[in-house]
Amino acid sequence: MRARSWTGPHRDLRLLRRAARRLRRVATFVALGYFAAFLTLTVARPSVMTRPAPGGLPTGLLLALVQLPVTWLAVLVYEVTARRYVDPLARQVRRHAHGTADGEPRP
């Protein structure tokens, strides 16, 4: 088996895969982590979830309602991070695949 080269044509693809994988993991753990914390509190500390929160709502209902903005935030962070880190790598791979510096296909 040949050792992988960290330079060359496939380096950009490896970097792109790694960046996309990391991005998916972080976004998934943020959204699912909040949901898991909510479920854990519901099962382990039901007395905390039934206490009134500021505004008169039960804490459990308030935390359930906060799940939607947390999910939106995870999606927003995913989009911003993808545009900043993954999209430039994808453009670089596309340019390299076409063999030109400007990304246009060769005639």
N, C-alpha and C. Protein backbone atom coordinates (compact mmCIF):
# COMPACT_ATOMS: atom_id res chain seq x y z
N MET A 1 0.83 -1.18 0.00
CA MET A 1 0.00 0.00 0.00
C MET A 1 0.88 1.24 0.00
N ARG A 2 0.51 2.19 -0.83
CA ARG A 2 1.29 3.39 -0.99
C ARG A 2 0.88 4.44 0.05
N ALA A 3 1.84 5.17 0.58
CA ALA A 3 1.55 6.23 1.54
C ALA A 3 0.85 7.39 0.83
N ARG A 4 -0.09 8.00 1.52
CA ARG A 4 -0.81 9.13 0.93
C ARG A 4 0.09 10.35 0.89
N SER A 5 -0.01 11.05 -0.21
CA SER A 5 0.69 12.31 -0.34
C SER A 5 -0.20 13.42 0.15
N TRP A 6 0.34 14.33 0.96
CA TRP A 6 -0.46 15.44 1.45
C TRP A 6 -0.40 16.62 0.51
N THR A 7 0.20 16.41 -0.65
CA THR A 7 0.18 17.40 -1.70
C THR A 7 -0.33 16.72 -2.95
N GLY A 8 -0.61 17.48 -3.96
CA GLY A 8 -1.06 16.88 -5.20
C GLY A 8 -2.54 17.10 -5.45
N PRO A 9 -3.04 16.46 -6.50
CA PRO A 9 -4.40 16.75 -6.95
C PRO A 9 -5.49 16.31 -5.99
N HIS A 10 -5.25 15.29 -5.18
CA HIS A 10 -6.30 14.78 -4.31
C HIS A 10 -6.30 15.44 -2.93
N ARG A 11 -5.32 16.27 -2.67
CA ARG A 11 -5.24 16.96 -1.38
C ARG A 11 -6.47 17.85 -1.17
N ASP A 12 -6.85 18.58 -2.21
CA ASP A 12 -8.00 19.48 -2.10
C ASP A 12 -9.28 18.70 -1.82
N LEU A 13 -9.44 17.54 -2.44
CA LEU A 13 -10.62 16.72 -2.19
C LEU A 13 -10.66 16.23 -0.75
N ARG A 14 -9.51 15.82 -0.22
CA ARG A 14 -9.45 15.38 1.17
C ARG A 14 -9.80 16.53 2.11
N LEU A 15 -9.28 17.72 1.83
CA LEU A 15 -9.59 18.88 2.66
C LEU A 15 -11.08 19.22 2.58
N LEU A 16 -11.65 19.13 1.40
CA LEU A 16 -13.08 19.42 1.23
C LEU A 16 -13.93 18.41 1.99
N ARG A 17 -13.61 17.14 1.87
CA ARG A 17 -14.36 16.12 2.61
C ARG A 17 -14.27 16.33 4.11
N ARG A 18 -13.06 16.62 4.58
CA ARG A 18 -12.85 16.82 6.02
C ARG A 18 -13.63 18.04 6.52
N ALA A 19 -13.61 19.13 5.76
CA ALA A 19 -14.33 20.33 6.17
C ALA A 19 -15.84 20.09 6.18
N ALA A 20 -16.36 19.41 5.18
CA ALA A 20 -17.79 19.13 5.12
C ALA A 20 -18.20 18.19 6.25
N ARG A 21 -17.39 17.19 6.53
CA ARG A 21 -17.69 16.24 7.61
C ARG A 21 -17.70 16.96 8.97
N ARG A 22 -16.71 17.80 9.20
CA ARG A 22 -16.63 18.54 10.47
C ARG A 22 -17.84 19.47 10.61
N LEU A 23 -18.21 20.11 9.53
CA LEU A 23 -19.35 21.01 9.56
C LEU A 23 -20.65 20.27 9.89
N ARG A 24 -20.84 19.12 9.26
CA ARG A 24 -22.05 18.33 9.55
C ARG A 24 -22.08 17.89 11.01
N ARG A 25 -20.94 17.45 11.52
CA ARG A 25 -20.89 16.97 12.90
C ARG A 25 -21.21 18.07 13.90
N VAL A 26 -20.62 19.24 13.71
CA VAL A 26 -20.85 20.34 14.65
C VAL A 26 -22.32 20.76 14.64
N ALA A 27 -22.89 20.94 13.45
CA ALA A 27 -24.30 21.35 13.37
C ALA A 27 -25.21 20.29 13.98
N THR A 28 -24.93 19.03 13.72
CA THR A 28 -25.76 17.95 14.28
C THR A 28 -25.66 17.91 15.79
N PHE A 29 -24.44 18.03 16.33
CA PHE A 29 -24.27 17.96 17.77
C PHE A 29 -24.90 19.16 18.47
N VAL A 30 -24.91 20.32 17.84
CA VAL A 30 -25.55 21.48 18.47
C VAL A 30 -27.05 21.24 18.58
N ALA A 31 -27.69 20.88 17.46
CA ALA A 31 -29.14 20.70 17.47
C ALA A 31 -29.55 19.50 18.33
N LEU A 32 -28.89 18.37 18.14
CA LEU A 32 -29.25 17.19 18.91
C LEU A 32 -28.82 17.29 20.37
N GLY A 33 -27.73 18.01 20.62
CA GLY A 33 -27.28 18.19 22.00
C GLY A 33 -28.28 18.95 22.83
N TYR A 34 -28.85 20.00 22.26
CA TYR A 34 -29.88 20.75 23.00
C TYR A 34 -31.10 19.87 23.23
N PHE A 35 -31.52 19.14 22.22
CA PHE A 35 -32.68 18.26 22.36
C PHE A 35 -32.41 17.18 23.41
N ALA A 36 -31.21 16.60 23.40
CA ALA A 36 -30.88 15.57 24.39
C ALA A 36 -30.85 16.16 25.80
N ALA A 37 -30.36 17.39 25.94
CA ALA A 37 -30.37 18.03 27.26
C ALA A 37 -31.80 18.26 27.73
N PHE A 38 -32.67 18.68 26.82
CA PHE A 38 -34.07 18.88 27.15
C PHE A 38 -34.72 17.57 27.60
N LEU A 39 -34.48 16.50 26.86
CA LEU A 39 -35.05 15.20 27.22
C LEU A 39 -34.49 14.70 28.55
N THR A 40 -33.21 14.88 28.76
CA THR A 40 -32.58 14.45 30.01
C THR A 40 -33.19 15.18 31.20
N LEU A 41 -33.37 16.49 31.07
CA LEU A 41 -34.00 17.24 32.15
C LEU A 41 -35.44 16.79 32.38
N THR A 42 -36.14 16.48 31.30
CA THR A 42 -37.53 16.04 31.43
C THR A 42 -37.62 14.73 32.21
N VAL A 43 -36.70 13.83 31.96
CA VAL A 43 -36.73 12.52 32.62
C VAL A 43 -36.10 12.58 34.02
N ALA A 44 -34.95 13.23 34.13
CA ALA A 44 -34.20 13.20 35.38
C ALA A 44 -34.69 14.22 36.40
N ARG A 45 -35.19 15.35 35.96
CA ARG A 45 -35.60 16.42 36.87
C ARG A 45 -36.96 17.00 36.48
N PRO A 46 -38.01 16.20 36.58
CA PRO A 46 -39.32 16.74 36.20
C PRO A 46 -39.77 17.90 37.07
N SER A 47 -39.27 17.96 38.31
CA SER A 47 -39.66 19.08 39.17
C SER A 47 -39.10 20.41 38.64
N VAL A 48 -37.93 20.37 38.03
CA VAL A 48 -37.35 21.58 37.43
C VAL A 48 -38.19 22.01 36.23
N MET A 49 -38.66 21.05 35.47
CA MET A 49 -39.40 21.36 34.25
C MET A 49 -40.80 21.91 34.54
N THR A 50 -41.34 21.64 35.72
CA THR A 50 -42.68 22.14 36.04
C THR A 50 -42.66 23.46 36.79
N ARG A 51 -41.49 23.90 37.24
CA ARG A 51 -41.40 25.19 37.92
C ARG A 51 -41.74 26.33 36.96
N PRO A 52 -42.36 27.37 37.48
CA PRO A 52 -42.63 28.51 36.59
C PRO A 52 -41.35 29.27 36.25
N ALA A 53 -41.21 29.59 35.00
CA ALA A 53 -40.08 30.39 34.52
C ALA A 53 -40.52 31.85 34.49
N PRO A 54 -39.61 32.77 34.26
CA PRO A 54 -40.03 34.17 34.11
C PRO A 54 -41.08 34.29 33.01
N GLY A 55 -42.14 34.97 33.29
CA GLY A 55 -43.23 35.10 32.34
C GLY A 55 -44.39 34.19 32.66
N GLY A 56 -44.23 33.31 33.64
CA GLY A 56 -45.32 32.44 34.07
C GLY A 56 -45.41 31.11 33.35
N LEU A 57 -44.66 30.90 32.29
CA LEU A 57 -44.66 29.61 31.60
C LEU A 57 -43.88 28.58 32.41
N PRO A 58 -44.26 27.32 32.35
CA PRO A 58 -43.43 26.29 32.97
C PRO A 58 -42.06 26.23 32.27
N THR A 59 -41.04 25.92 33.02
CA THR A 59 -39.69 25.87 32.47
C THR A 59 -39.60 24.89 31.30
N GLY A 60 -40.27 23.75 31.41
CA GLY A 60 -40.24 22.75 30.33
C GLY A 60 -40.81 23.29 29.04
N LEU A 61 -41.90 24.03 29.12
CA LEU A 61 -42.50 24.61 27.93
C LEU A 61 -41.59 25.68 27.34
N LEU A 62 -41.00 26.49 28.20
CA LEU A 62 -40.08 27.52 27.72
C LEU A 62 -38.88 26.88 26.99
N LEU A 63 -38.31 25.85 27.59
CA LEU A 63 -37.17 25.17 26.94
C LEU A 63 -37.60 24.50 25.64
N ALA A 64 -38.80 23.97 25.59
CA ALA A 64 -39.30 23.37 24.35
C ALA A 64 -39.46 24.43 23.27
N LEU A 65 -39.95 25.60 23.64
CA LEU A 65 -40.11 26.68 22.66
C LEU A 65 -38.77 27.23 22.18
N VAL A 66 -37.76 27.16 23.03
CA VAL A 66 -36.43 27.65 22.66
C VAL A 66 -35.75 26.70 21.66
N GLN A 67 -36.25 25.47 21.55
CA GLN A 67 -35.63 24.53 20.62
C GLN A 67 -35.68 25.02 19.17
N LEU A 68 -36.74 25.66 18.79
CA LEU A 68 -36.87 26.15 17.42
C LEU A 68 -35.79 27.20 17.11
N PRO A 69 -35.61 28.24 17.94
CA PRO A 69 -34.52 29.17 17.65
C PRO A 69 -33.13 28.52 17.69
N VAL A 70 -32.95 27.54 18.57
CA VAL A 70 -31.65 26.85 18.62
C VAL A 70 -31.40 26.11 17.30
N THR A 71 -32.43 25.48 16.77
CA THR A 71 -32.30 24.80 15.48
C THR A 71 -32.02 25.80 14.37
N TRP A 72 -32.73 26.92 14.37
CA TRP A 72 -32.47 27.96 13.37
C TRP A 72 -31.03 28.47 13.49
N LEU A 73 -30.56 28.64 14.71
CA LEU A 73 -29.19 29.10 14.91
C LEU A 73 -28.19 28.08 14.37
N ALA A 74 -28.46 26.80 14.60
CA ALA A 74 -27.57 25.75 14.08
C ALA A 74 -27.53 25.79 12.55
N VAL A 75 -28.67 25.99 11.93
CA VAL A 75 -28.73 26.08 10.46
C VAL A 75 -27.99 27.33 9.98
N LEU A 76 -28.19 28.45 10.66
CA LEU A 76 -27.52 29.69 10.27
C LEU A 76 -26.00 29.55 10.39
N VAL A 77 -25.53 28.99 11.50
CA VAL A 77 -24.09 28.78 11.68
C VAL A 77 -23.56 27.82 10.61
N TYR A 78 -24.34 26.80 10.28
CA TYR A 78 -23.96 25.85 9.23
C TYR A 78 -23.78 26.59 7.90
N GLU A 79 -24.76 27.42 7.54
CA GLU A 79 -24.70 28.14 6.27
C GLU A 79 -23.51 29.09 6.21
N VAL A 80 -23.32 29.87 7.28
CA VAL A 80 -22.22 30.83 7.29
C VAL A 80 -20.87 30.12 7.23
N THR A 81 -20.73 29.08 8.00
CA THR A 81 -19.47 28.33 8.01
C THR A 81 -19.23 27.64 6.67
N ALA A 82 -20.28 27.11 6.07
CA ALA A 82 -20.13 26.47 4.75
C ALA A 82 -19.67 27.49 3.72
N ARG A 83 -20.27 28.66 3.73
CA ARG A 83 -19.87 29.68 2.76
C ARG A 83 -18.43 30.15 2.98
N ARG A 84 -18.03 30.19 4.24
CA ARG A 84 -16.69 30.71 4.54
C ARG A 84 -15.59 29.68 4.30
N TYR A 85 -15.83 28.40 4.64
CA TYR A 85 -14.76 27.42 4.59
C TYR A 85 -14.94 26.34 3.52
N VAL A 86 -16.14 25.83 3.36
CA VAL A 86 -16.33 24.70 2.45
C VAL A 86 -16.47 25.16 1.00
N ASP A 87 -17.23 26.23 0.75
CA ASP A 87 -17.41 26.70 -0.62
C ASP A 87 -16.11 27.09 -1.31
N PRO A 88 -15.19 27.80 -0.65
CA PRO A 88 -13.91 28.09 -1.32
C PRO A 88 -13.13 26.82 -1.68
N LEU A 89 -13.19 25.82 -0.81
CA LEU A 89 -12.51 24.56 -1.13
C LEU A 89 -13.18 23.89 -2.33
N ALA A 90 -14.51 23.93 -2.39
CA ALA A 90 -15.22 23.34 -3.53
C ALA A 90 -14.87 24.06 -4.82
N ARG A 91 -14.79 25.39 -4.78
CA ARG A 91 -14.39 26.14 -5.98
C ARG A 91 -12.98 25.77 -6.41
N GLN A 92 -12.10 25.59 -5.44
CA GLN A 92 -10.72 25.23 -5.75
C GLN A 92 -10.66 23.85 -6.40
N VAL A 93 -11.43 22.90 -5.88
CA VAL A 93 -11.48 21.56 -6.48
C VAL A 93 -12.05 21.63 -7.88
N ARG A 94 -13.11 22.42 -8.07
CA ARG A 94 -13.73 22.57 -9.38
C ARG A 94 -12.74 23.16 -10.38
N ARG A 95 -12.02 24.22 -9.95
CA ARG A 95 -11.02 24.83 -10.84
C ARG A 95 -9.95 23.83 -11.22
N HIS A 96 -9.50 23.06 -10.23
CA HIS A 96 -8.45 22.08 -10.50
C HIS A 96 -8.96 21.00 -11.46
N ALA A 97 -10.21 20.59 -11.31
CA ALA A 97 -10.78 19.56 -12.17
C ALA A 97 -10.90 20.05 -13.61
N HIS A 98 -11.19 21.34 -13.77
CA HIS A 98 -11.31 21.90 -15.12
C HIS A 98 -9.95 22.26 -15.70
N GLY A 99 -8.95 22.34 -14.86
CA GLY A 99 -7.60 22.61 -15.34
C GLY A 99 -7.32 24.05 -15.64
N THR A 100 -8.13 24.96 -15.18
CA THR A 100 -7.88 26.38 -15.42
C THR A 100 -7.89 27.11 -14.10
N ALA A 101 -7.31 28.30 -14.11
CA ALA A 101 -7.24 29.10 -12.89
C ALA A 101 -8.54 29.86 -12.62
N ASP A 102 -9.32 30.14 -13.66
CA ASP A 102 -10.51 30.94 -13.46
C ASP A 102 -11.78 30.12 -13.30
N GLY A 103 -11.69 28.80 -13.38
CA GLY A 103 -12.85 27.95 -13.19
C GLY A 103 -13.65 27.66 -14.45
N GLU A 104 -13.27 28.31 -15.56
CA GLU A 104 -13.96 28.07 -16.82
C GLU A 104 -13.41 26.82 -17.48
N PRO A 105 -14.27 26.02 -18.14
CA PRO A 105 -13.78 24.82 -18.79
C PRO A 105 -12.87 25.16 -19.96
N ARG A 106 -11.95 24.25 -20.21
CA ARG A 106 -11.04 24.43 -21.35
C ARG A 106 -11.78 24.19 -22.65
N PRO A 107 -11.42 24.92 -23.71
CA PRO A 107 -12.08 24.69 -25.02
C PRO A 107 -11.69 23.38 -25.64
